[in-house]
Amino acid sequence: MSSLYAINSGTKWRSGVKHDCSGVMEFRKIDDLFVNGFGEAVELEEIYLFPLLKGSDVAQNRINATDRYILVTQKFIGESTENIKTIAPKTGRYLEKCGQYLDNRKSKIYQNNPRFSIFGVGDYSFQPWKIAICGLYKKLDFRLIGEIANKPVIFDDTVYFLSFDSERVARQTFELLNSPAAINFYSAIVFWDEKRPIKSSILNCLNLEMLADSEFVTADAQR
């Protein structure tokens, strides 16, 4: 078991998007309209909209379809948001209209960053395949998730995930994470009494490369 532990495993579990303004940034899609958290139906271009899965969706395996969408204003942290109004005028007008809510977000992380900024976003957010788990539930339930409606899925910040360009690699990694060795490893180091028992710091401790080698050796020995 200890041989699978690594402080710098090379694996990087990410958390989902943080925006602290669900009323503005999250929607239900009804026909061709997007209804925000205030119950307002708005017309938006889809270029900045992505299917959203929340932690409860991941935990309860509601991963193949969703009517939830999230407005992703940046491709990486700190990216300028000035060109939104040019690329997607309706979205730009919507953000300006709701700007007061975004400007009043209390977290200091939004200070000295472009207006309408979000966090927990990068190249990894837009890869087509992901393995995800909700940090709030007291179960080691990993989910393999592909695109929805031909767009990569975005998670809220209660979800931790790995992302992949390759479906084959994603499936291989998913099998490793669901192996008895991986489940036993995580079960031994998770503090289940905590409010958020599953953390990226814990998930990152598993040396997946070494686990893959041991699983391969085991499989060979059984032949």
C-alpha atoms as a PDB file:
ATOM      1  CA  MET A   1       0.000   0.000   0.000  1.00  0.00           C
ATOM      2  CA  SER A   2       2.724   2.496   0.990  1.00  0.00           C
ATOM      3  CA  SER A   3       4.497   1.910  -2.323  1.00  0.00           C
ATOM      4  CA  LEU A   4       1.548   3.588  -4.091  1.00  0.00           C
ATOM      5  CA  TYR A   5       1.904   6.766  -2.012  1.00  0.00           C
ATOM      6  CA  ALA A   6       3.674   9.705  -3.646  1.00  0.00           C
ATOM      7  CA  ILE A   7       3.902  13.331  -2.525  1.00  0.00           C
ATOM      8  CA  ASN A   8       4.551  14.362  -6.125  1.00  0.00           C
ATOM      9  CA  SER A   9       2.720  11.683  -8.054  1.00  0.00           C
ATOM     10  CA  GLY A  10       2.587  13.651 -11.295  1.00  0.00           C
ATOM     11  CA  THR A  11      -1.220  13.388 -11.262  1.00  0.00           C
ATOM     12  CA  LYS A  12      -3.098  16.673 -11.077  1.00  0.00           C
ATOM     13  CA  TRP A  13      -6.710  16.524  -9.927  1.00  0.00           C
ATOM     14  CA  ARG A  14      -8.479  19.818 -10.578  1.00  0.00           C
ATOM     15  CA  SER A  15     -11.520  21.368  -8.947  1.00  0.00           C
ATOM     16  CA  GLY A  16     -14.439  22.698 -10.963  1.00  0.00           C
ATOM     17  CA  VAL A  17     -15.287  26.299 -11.787  1.00  0.00           C
ATOM     18  CA  LYS A  18     -15.685  28.865  -9.023  1.00  0.00           C
ATOM     19  CA  HIS A  19     -17.730  31.975  -9.821  1.00  0.00           C
ATOM     20  CA  ASP A  20     -19.670  32.827  -6.601  1.00  0.00           C
ATOM     21  CA  CYS A  21     -22.660  34.120  -8.567  1.00  0.00           C
ATOM     22  CA  SER A  22     -24.959  31.288  -9.608  1.00  0.00           C
ATOM     23  CA  GLY A  23     -27.885  33.636 -10.241  1.00  0.00           C
ATOM     24  CA  VAL A  24     -25.993  35.199 -13.145  1.00  0.00           C
ATOM     25  CA  MET A  25     -23.661  32.453 -14.330  1.00  0.00           C
ATOM     26  CA  GLU A  26     -25.813  29.311 -14.239  1.00  0.00           C
ATOM     27  CA  PHE A  27     -28.834  28.517 -16.417  1.00  0.00           C
ATOM     28  CA  ARG A  28     -31.479  25.973 -17.251  1.00  0.00           C
ATOM     29  CA  LYS A  29     -31.955  25.527 -20.981  1.00  0.00           C
ATOM     30  CA  ILE A  30     -35.628  25.538 -21.987  1.00  0.00           C
ATOM     31  CA  ASP A  31     -36.141  25.208 -25.743  1.00  0.00           C
ATOM     32  CA  ASP A  32     -33.819  27.847 -27.211  1.00  0.00           C
ATOM     33  CA  LEU A  33     -33.781  30.077 -24.146  1.00  0.00           C
ATOM     34  CA  PHE A  34     -31.535  30.065 -21.124  1.00  0.00           C
ATOM     35  CA  VAL A  35     -33.193  30.800 -17.773  1.00  0.00           C
ATOM     36  CA  ASN A  36     -30.851  32.204 -15.136  1.00  0.00           C
ATOM     37  CA  GLY A  37     -30.968  31.785 -11.374  1.00  0.00           C
ATOM     38  CA  PHE A  38     -33.298  34.767 -11.052  1.00  0.00           C
ATOM     39  CA  GLY A  39     -35.873  33.097 -13.287  1.00  0.00           C
ATOM     40  CA  GLU A  40     -35.171  35.438 -16.209  1.00  0.00           C
ATOM     41  CA  ALA A  41     -35.186  34.006 -19.736  1.00  0.00           C
ATOM     42  CA  VAL A  42     -32.300  35.448 -21.710  1.00  0.00           C
ATOM     43  CA  GLU A  43     -30.956  35.053 -25.240  1.00  0.00           C
ATOM     44  CA  LEU A  44     -27.262  34.190 -25.311  1.00  0.00           C
ATOM     45  CA  GLU A  45     -24.819  32.951 -27.909  1.00  0.00           C
ATOM     46  CA  GLU A  46     -23.666  29.436 -27.079  1.00  0.00           C
ATOM     47  CA  ILE A  47     -19.949  30.078 -27.601  1.00  0.00           C
ATOM     48  CA  TYR A  48     -19.394  30.811 -23.885  1.00  0.00           C
ATOM     49  CA  LEU A  49     -22.001  28.346 -22.604  1.00  0.00           C
ATOM     50  CA  PHE A  50     -21.112  24.811 -21.545  1.00  0.00           C
ATOM     51  CA  PRO A  51     -23.070  21.917 -20.042  1.00  0.00           C
ATOM     52  CA  LEU A  52     -22.807  21.943 -16.252  1.00  0.00           C
ATOM     53  CA  LEU A  53     -22.739  18.988 -13.886  1.00  0.00           C
ATOM     54  CA  LYS A  54     -22.910  19.699 -10.167  1.00  0.00           C
ATOM     55  CA  GLY A  55     -21.452  17.549  -7.426  1.00  0.00           C
ATOM     56  CA  SER A  56     -24.814  15.918  -6.759  1.00  0.00           C
ATOM     57  CA  ASP A  57     -25.125  15.001 -10.434  1.00  0.00           C
ATOM     58  CA  VAL A  58     -21.726  13.321 -10.370  1.00  0.00           C
ATOM     59  CA  ALA A  59     -22.409  11.538  -7.075  1.00  0.00           C
ATOM     60  CA  GLN A  60     -25.796  10.263  -8.261  1.00  0.00           C
ATOM     61  CA  ASN A  61     -24.519   9.281 -11.715  1.00  0.00           C
ATOM     62  CA  ARG A  62     -26.613  11.790 -13.665  1.00  0.00           C
ATOM     63  CA  ILE A  63     -23.823  12.298 -16.161  1.00  0.00           C
ATOM     64  CA  ASN A  64     -25.131  11.565 -19.652  1.00  0.00           C
ATOM     65  CA  ALA A  65     -27.397  14.576 -20.146  1.00  0.00           C
ATOM     66  CA  THR A  66     -28.192  17.874 -18.463  1.00  0.00           C
ATOM     67  CA  ASP A  67     -30.341  20.954 -18.904  1.00  0.00           C
ATOM     68  CA  ARG A  68     -27.937  22.988 -16.760  1.00  0.00           C
ATOM     69  CA  TYR A  69     -25.461  25.329 -18.418  1.00  0.00           C
ATOM     70  CA  ILE A  70     -22.741  27.615 -17.142  1.00  0.00           C
ATOM     71  CA  LEU A  71     -21.272  30.789 -18.596  1.00  0.00           C
ATOM     72  CA  VAL A  72     -17.502  30.334 -18.909  1.00  0.00           C
ATOM     73  CA  THR A  73     -16.052  33.781 -19.517  1.00  0.00           C
ATOM     74  CA  GLN A  74     -12.371  32.806 -19.711  1.00  0.00           C
ATOM     75  CA  LYS A  75     -10.238  29.983 -21.096  1.00  0.00           C
ATOM     76  CA  PHE A  76      -7.571  30.544 -18.471  1.00  0.00           C
ATOM     77  CA  ILE A  77      -7.268  32.470 -15.222  1.00  0.00           C
ATOM     78  CA  GLY A  78      -6.572  36.150 -15.791  1.00  0.00           C
ATOM     79  CA  GLU A  79      -7.612  36.184 -19.456  1.00  0.00           C
ATOM     80  CA  SER A  80      -9.097  39.493 -20.573  1.00  0.00           C
ATOM     81  CA  THR A  81     -12.875  39.483 -20.904  1.00  0.00           C
ATOM     82  CA  GLU A  82     -13.011  42.633 -23.038  1.00  0.00           C
ATOM     83  CA  ASN A  83     -13.542  40.765 -26.324  1.00  0.00           C
ATOM     84  CA  ILE A  84     -16.725  39.000 -25.150  1.00  0.00           C
ATOM     85  CA  LYS A  85     -18.872  41.927 -26.269  1.00  0.00           C
ATOM     86  CA  THR A  86     -17.331  41.708 -29.753  1.00  0.00           C
ATOM     87  CA  ILE A  87     -17.426  37.920 -30.161  1.00  0.00           C
ATOM     88  CA  ALA A  88     -20.821  37.445 -28.495  1.00  0.00           C
ATOM     89  CA  PRO A  89     -22.750  40.735 -28.259  1.00  0.00           C
ATOM     90  CA  LYS A  90     -25.794  39.270 -26.481  1.00  0.00           C
ATOM     91  CA  THR A  91     -23.586  37.677 -23.856  1.00  0.00           C
ATOM     92  CA  GLY A  92     -21.649  40.926 -23.481  1.00  0.00           C
ATOM     93  CA  ARG A  93     -24.829  42.915 -22.918  1.00  0.00           C
ATOM     94  CA  TYR A  94     -26.084  40.339 -20.424  1.00  0.00           C
ATOM     95  CA  LEU A  95     -22.877  40.513 -18.385  1.00  0.00           C
ATOM     96  CA  GLU A  96     -22.976  44.304 -18.382  1.00  0.00           C
ATOM     97  CA  LYS A  97     -26.588  44.271 -17.245  1.00  0.00           C
ATOM     98  CA  CYS A  98     -25.778  41.874 -14.398  1.00  0.00           C
ATOM     99  CA  GLY A  99     -22.393  43.420 -13.702  1.00  0.00           C
ATOM    100  CA  GLN A 100     -23.337  44.707 -10.261  1.00  0.00           C
ATOM    101  CA  TYR A 101     -23.823  41.170  -8.952  1.00  0.00           C
ATOM    102  CA  LEU A 102     -20.442  40.068 -10.252  1.00  0.00           C
ATOM    103  CA  ASP A 103     -18.734  43.254  -9.051  1.00  0.00           C
ATOM    104  CA  ASN A 104     -20.075  42.690  -5.530  1.00  0.00           C
ATOM    105  CA  ARG A 105     -18.653  39.204  -5.094  1.00  0.00           C
ATOM    106  CA  LYS A 106     -16.979  39.178  -1.691  1.00  0.00           C
ATOM    107  CA  SER A 107     -14.034  36.880  -2.304  1.00  0.00           C
ATOM    108  CA  LYS A 108     -10.706  38.702  -2.648  1.00  0.00           C
ATOM    109  CA  ILE A 109      -9.680  36.445  -5.527  1.00  0.00           C
ATOM    110  CA  TYR A 110     -11.759  38.582  -7.901  1.00  0.00           C
ATOM    111  CA  GLN A 111      -9.952  41.786  -6.978  1.00  0.00           C
ATOM    112  CA  ASN A 112      -7.331  42.988  -9.464  1.00  0.00           C
ATOM    113  CA  ASN A 113      -8.599  40.503 -12.054  1.00  0.00           C
ATOM    114  CA  PRO A 114     -10.564  41.211 -15.244  1.00  0.00           C
ATOM    115  CA  ARG A 115     -14.229  42.011 -14.772  1.00  0.00           C
ATOM    116  CA  PHE A 116     -16.501  38.923 -14.934  1.00  0.00           C
ATOM    117  CA  SER A 117     -13.559  36.666 -13.983  1.00  0.00           C
ATOM    118  CA  ILE A 118     -13.988  33.065 -12.876  1.00  0.00           C
ATOM    119  CA  PHE A 119     -11.551  30.598 -11.306  1.00  0.00           C
ATOM    120  CA  GLY A 120     -10.832  26.911 -11.717  1.00  0.00           C
ATOM    121  CA  VAL A 121     -10.498  27.145 -15.480  1.00  0.00           C
ATOM    122  CA  GLY A 122      -7.716  26.192 -17.885  1.00  0.00           C
ATOM    123  CA  ASP A 123      -6.934  23.971 -20.867  1.00  0.00           C
ATOM    124  CA  TYR A 124      -7.987  20.997 -18.746  1.00  0.00           C
ATOM    125  CA  SER A 125     -11.543  22.367 -18.541  1.00  0.00           C
ATOM    126  CA  PHE A 126     -12.116  21.938 -22.261  1.00  0.00           C
ATOM    127  CA  GLN A 127     -10.796  18.426 -22.845  1.00  0.00           C
ATOM    128  CA  PRO A 128     -13.488  15.980 -24.020  1.00  0.00           C
ATOM    129  CA  TRP A 129     -13.023  13.196 -21.451  1.00  0.00           C
ATOM    130  CA  LYS A 130     -12.990  13.506 -17.691  1.00  0.00           C
ATOM    131  CA  ILE A 131     -12.956  11.313 -14.594  1.00  0.00           C
ATOM    132  CA  ALA A 132     -14.817  13.058 -11.788  1.00  0.00           C
ATOM    133  CA  ILE A 133     -15.768  12.604  -8.151  1.00  0.00           C
ATOM    134  CA  CYS A 134     -17.718  14.807  -5.739  1.00  0.00           C
ATOM    135  CA  GLY A 135     -15.760  15.891  -2.671  1.00  0.00           C
ATOM    136  CA  LEU A 136     -18.805  16.174  -0.414  1.00  0.00           C
ATOM    137  CA  TYR A 137     -20.046  12.585  -0.497  1.00  0.00           C
ATOM    138  CA  LYS A 138     -18.708   9.814   1.704  1.00  0.00           C
ATOM    139  CA  LYS A 139     -18.197   7.352  -1.132  1.00  0.00           C
ATOM    140  CA  LEU A 140     -15.405   6.710  -3.584  1.00  0.00           C
ATOM    141  CA  ASP A 141     -17.570   6.859  -6.693  1.00  0.00           C
ATOM    142  CA  PHE A 142     -15.518   7.834  -9.727  1.00  0.00           C
ATOM    143  CA  ARG A 143     -17.396   8.681 -12.947  1.00  0.00           C
ATOM    144  CA  LEU A 144     -16.162   8.568 -16.520  1.00  0.00           C
ATOM    145  CA  ILE A 145     -17.739  11.491 -18.363  1.00  0.00           C
ATOM    146  CA  GLY A 146     -17.636  12.412 -22.034  1.00  0.00           C
ATOM    147  CA  GLU A 147     -19.001  15.416 -23.865  1.00  0.00           C
ATOM    148  CA  ILE A 148     -22.666  16.424 -23.698  1.00  0.00           C
ATOM    149  CA  ALA A 149     -24.246  17.955 -26.812  1.00  0.00           C
ATOM    150  CA  ASN A 150     -20.803  17.948 -28.443  1.00  0.00           C
ATOM    151  CA  LYS A 151     -19.301  20.226 -25.798  1.00  0.00           C
ATOM    152  CA  PRO A 152     -16.978  19.442 -22.880  1.00  0.00           C
ATOM    153  CA  VAL A 153     -18.639  19.219 -19.499  1.00  0.00           C
ATOM    154  CA  ILE A 154     -17.875  21.821 -16.821  1.00  0.00           C
ATOM    155  CA  PHE A 155     -18.202  21.025 -13.101  1.00  0.00           C
ATOM    156  CA  ASP A 156     -18.950  23.156 -10.073  1.00  0.00           C
ATOM    157  CA  ASP A 157     -16.275  23.576  -7.424  1.00  0.00           C
ATOM    158  CA  THR A 158     -17.446  20.635  -5.292  1.00  0.00           C
ATOM    159  CA  VAL A 159     -16.118  18.277  -7.974  1.00  0.00           C
ATOM    160  CA  TYR A 160     -12.555  17.084  -8.536  1.00  0.00           C
ATOM    161  CA  PHE A 161     -11.556  15.705 -11.913  1.00  0.00           C
ATOM    162  CA  LEU A 162      -8.851  14.490 -14.261  1.00  0.00           C
ATOM    163  CA  SER A 163      -9.128  15.408 -17.945  1.00  0.00           C
ATOM    164  CA  PHE A 164      -8.064  13.596 -21.098  1.00  0.00           C
ATOM    165  CA  ASP A 165      -7.867  14.121 -24.836  1.00  0.00           C
ATOM    166  CA  SER A 166      -7.902  10.356 -25.375  1.00  0.00           C
ATOM    167  CA  GLU A 167     -10.933   8.201 -24.603  1.00  0.00           C
ATOM    168  CA  ARG A 168      -8.675   5.141 -24.443  1.00  0.00           C
ATOM    169  CA  VAL A 169      -6.410   6.651 -21.782  1.00  0.00           C
ATOM    170  CA  ALA A 170      -9.428   7.943 -19.853  1.00  0.00           C
ATOM    171  CA  ARG A 171     -10.973   4.458 -19.773  1.00  0.00           C
ATOM    172  CA  GLN A 172      -7.693   2.846 -18.711  1.00  0.00           C
ATOM    173  CA  THR A 173      -7.270   5.359 -15.891  1.00  0.00           C
ATOM    174  CA  PHE A 174     -10.898   4.886 -14.853  1.00  0.00           C
ATOM    175  CA  GLU A 175     -10.319   1.130 -14.523  1.00  0.00           C
ATOM    176  CA  LEU A 176      -7.236   1.761 -12.387  1.00  0.00           C
ATOM    177  CA  LEU A 177      -9.082   4.134 -10.068  1.00  0.00           C
ATOM    178  CA  ASN A 178     -11.830   1.559  -9.567  1.00  0.00           C
ATOM    179  CA  SER A 179      -9.392  -1.281  -8.878  1.00  0.00           C
ATOM    180  CA  PRO A 180      -9.377  -2.773  -5.354  1.00  0.00           C
ATOM    181  CA  ALA A 181      -5.835  -1.465  -4.830  1.00  0.00           C
ATOM    182  CA  ALA A 182      -6.861   2.141  -5.553  1.00  0.00           C
ATOM    183  CA  ILE A 183     -10.063   1.983  -3.510  1.00  0.00           C
ATOM    184  CA  ASN A 184      -8.224   0.440  -0.560  1.00  0.00           C
ATOM    185  CA  PHE A 185      -5.475   3.044  -0.826  1.00  0.00           C
ATOM    186  CA  TYR A 186      -7.860   6.000  -0.741  1.00  0.00           C
ATOM    187  CA  SER A 187     -10.103   4.444   1.910  1.00  0.00           C
ATOM    188  CA  ALA A 188      -7.119   4.230   4.251  1.00  0.00           C
ATOM    189  CA  ILE A 189      -6.216   7.928   4.026  1.00  0.00           C
ATOM    190  CA  VAL A 190      -9.584   9.682   3.687  1.00  0.00           C
ATOM    191  CA  PHE A 191     -10.980  11.247   6.880  1.00  0.00           C
ATOM    192  CA  TRP A 192     -14.625  10.365   6.355  1.00  0.00           C
ATOM    193  CA  ASP A 193     -15.932  12.525   9.223  1.00  0.00           C
ATOM    194  CA  GLU A 194     -14.911  15.773   7.526  1.00  0.00           C
ATOM    195  CA  LYS A 195     -17.458  17.952   5.721  1.00  0.00           C
ATOM    196  CA  ARG A 196     -15.499  17.525   2.471  1.00  0.00           C
ATOM    197  CA  PRO A 197     -13.774  14.188   2.992  1.00  0.00           C
ATOM    198  CA  ILE A 198     -12.418  13.822  -0.544  1.00  0.00           C
ATOM    199  CA  LYS A 199      -9.829  16.461  -1.434  1.00  0.00           C
ATOM    200  CA  SER A 200      -7.470  17.000  -4.352  1.00  0.00           C
ATOM    201  CA  SER A 201      -4.497  16.699  -1.970  1.00  0.00           C
ATOM    202  CA  ILE A 202      -5.625  13.159  -1.118  1.00  0.00           C
ATOM    203  CA  LEU A 203      -6.509  12.182  -4.678  1.00  0.00           C
ATOM    204  CA  ASN A 204      -3.111  13.379  -5.903  1.00  0.00           C
ATOM    205  CA  CYS A 205      -1.254  11.073  -3.484  1.00  0.00           C
ATOM    206  CA  LEU A 206      -1.906   7.943  -5.534  1.00  0.00           C
ATOM    207  CA  ASN A 207       0.936   7.003  -7.876  1.00  0.00           C
ATOM    208  CA  LEU A 208      -1.130   5.929 -10.867  1.00  0.00           C
ATOM    209  CA  GLU A 209       1.936   4.995 -12.898  1.00  0.00           C
ATOM    210  CA  MET A 210       3.115   2.564 -10.233  1.00  0.00           C
ATOM    211  CA  LEU A 211      -0.422   1.233  -9.831  1.00  0.00           C
ATOM    212  CA  ALA A 212      -0.638   0.631 -13.584  1.00  0.00           C
ATOM    213  CA  ASP A 213       2.637  -1.318 -13.472  1.00  0.00           C
ATOM    214  CA  SER A 214       1.472  -3.433 -10.537  1.00  0.00           C
ATOM    215  CA  GLU A 215      -1.891  -4.119 -12.178  1.00  0.00           C
ATOM    216  CA  PHE A 216      -0.096  -5.125 -15.374  1.00  0.00           C
ATOM    217  CA  VAL A 217       2.233  -7.482 -13.475  1.00  0.00           C
ATOM    218  CA  THR A 218      -0.736  -8.998 -11.630  1.00  0.00           C
ATOM    219  CA  ALA A 219      -2.635  -9.505 -14.877  1.00  0.00           C
ATOM    220  CA  ASP A 220       0.425 -11.183 -16.470  1.00  0.00           C
ATOM    221  CA  ALA A 221       0.871 -13.476 -13.491  1.00  0.00           C
ATOM    222  CA  GLN A 222      -2.694 -14.674 -13.737  1.00  0.00           C
ATOM    223  CA  ARG A 223      -2.398 -15.696 -17.382  1.00  0.00           C
END
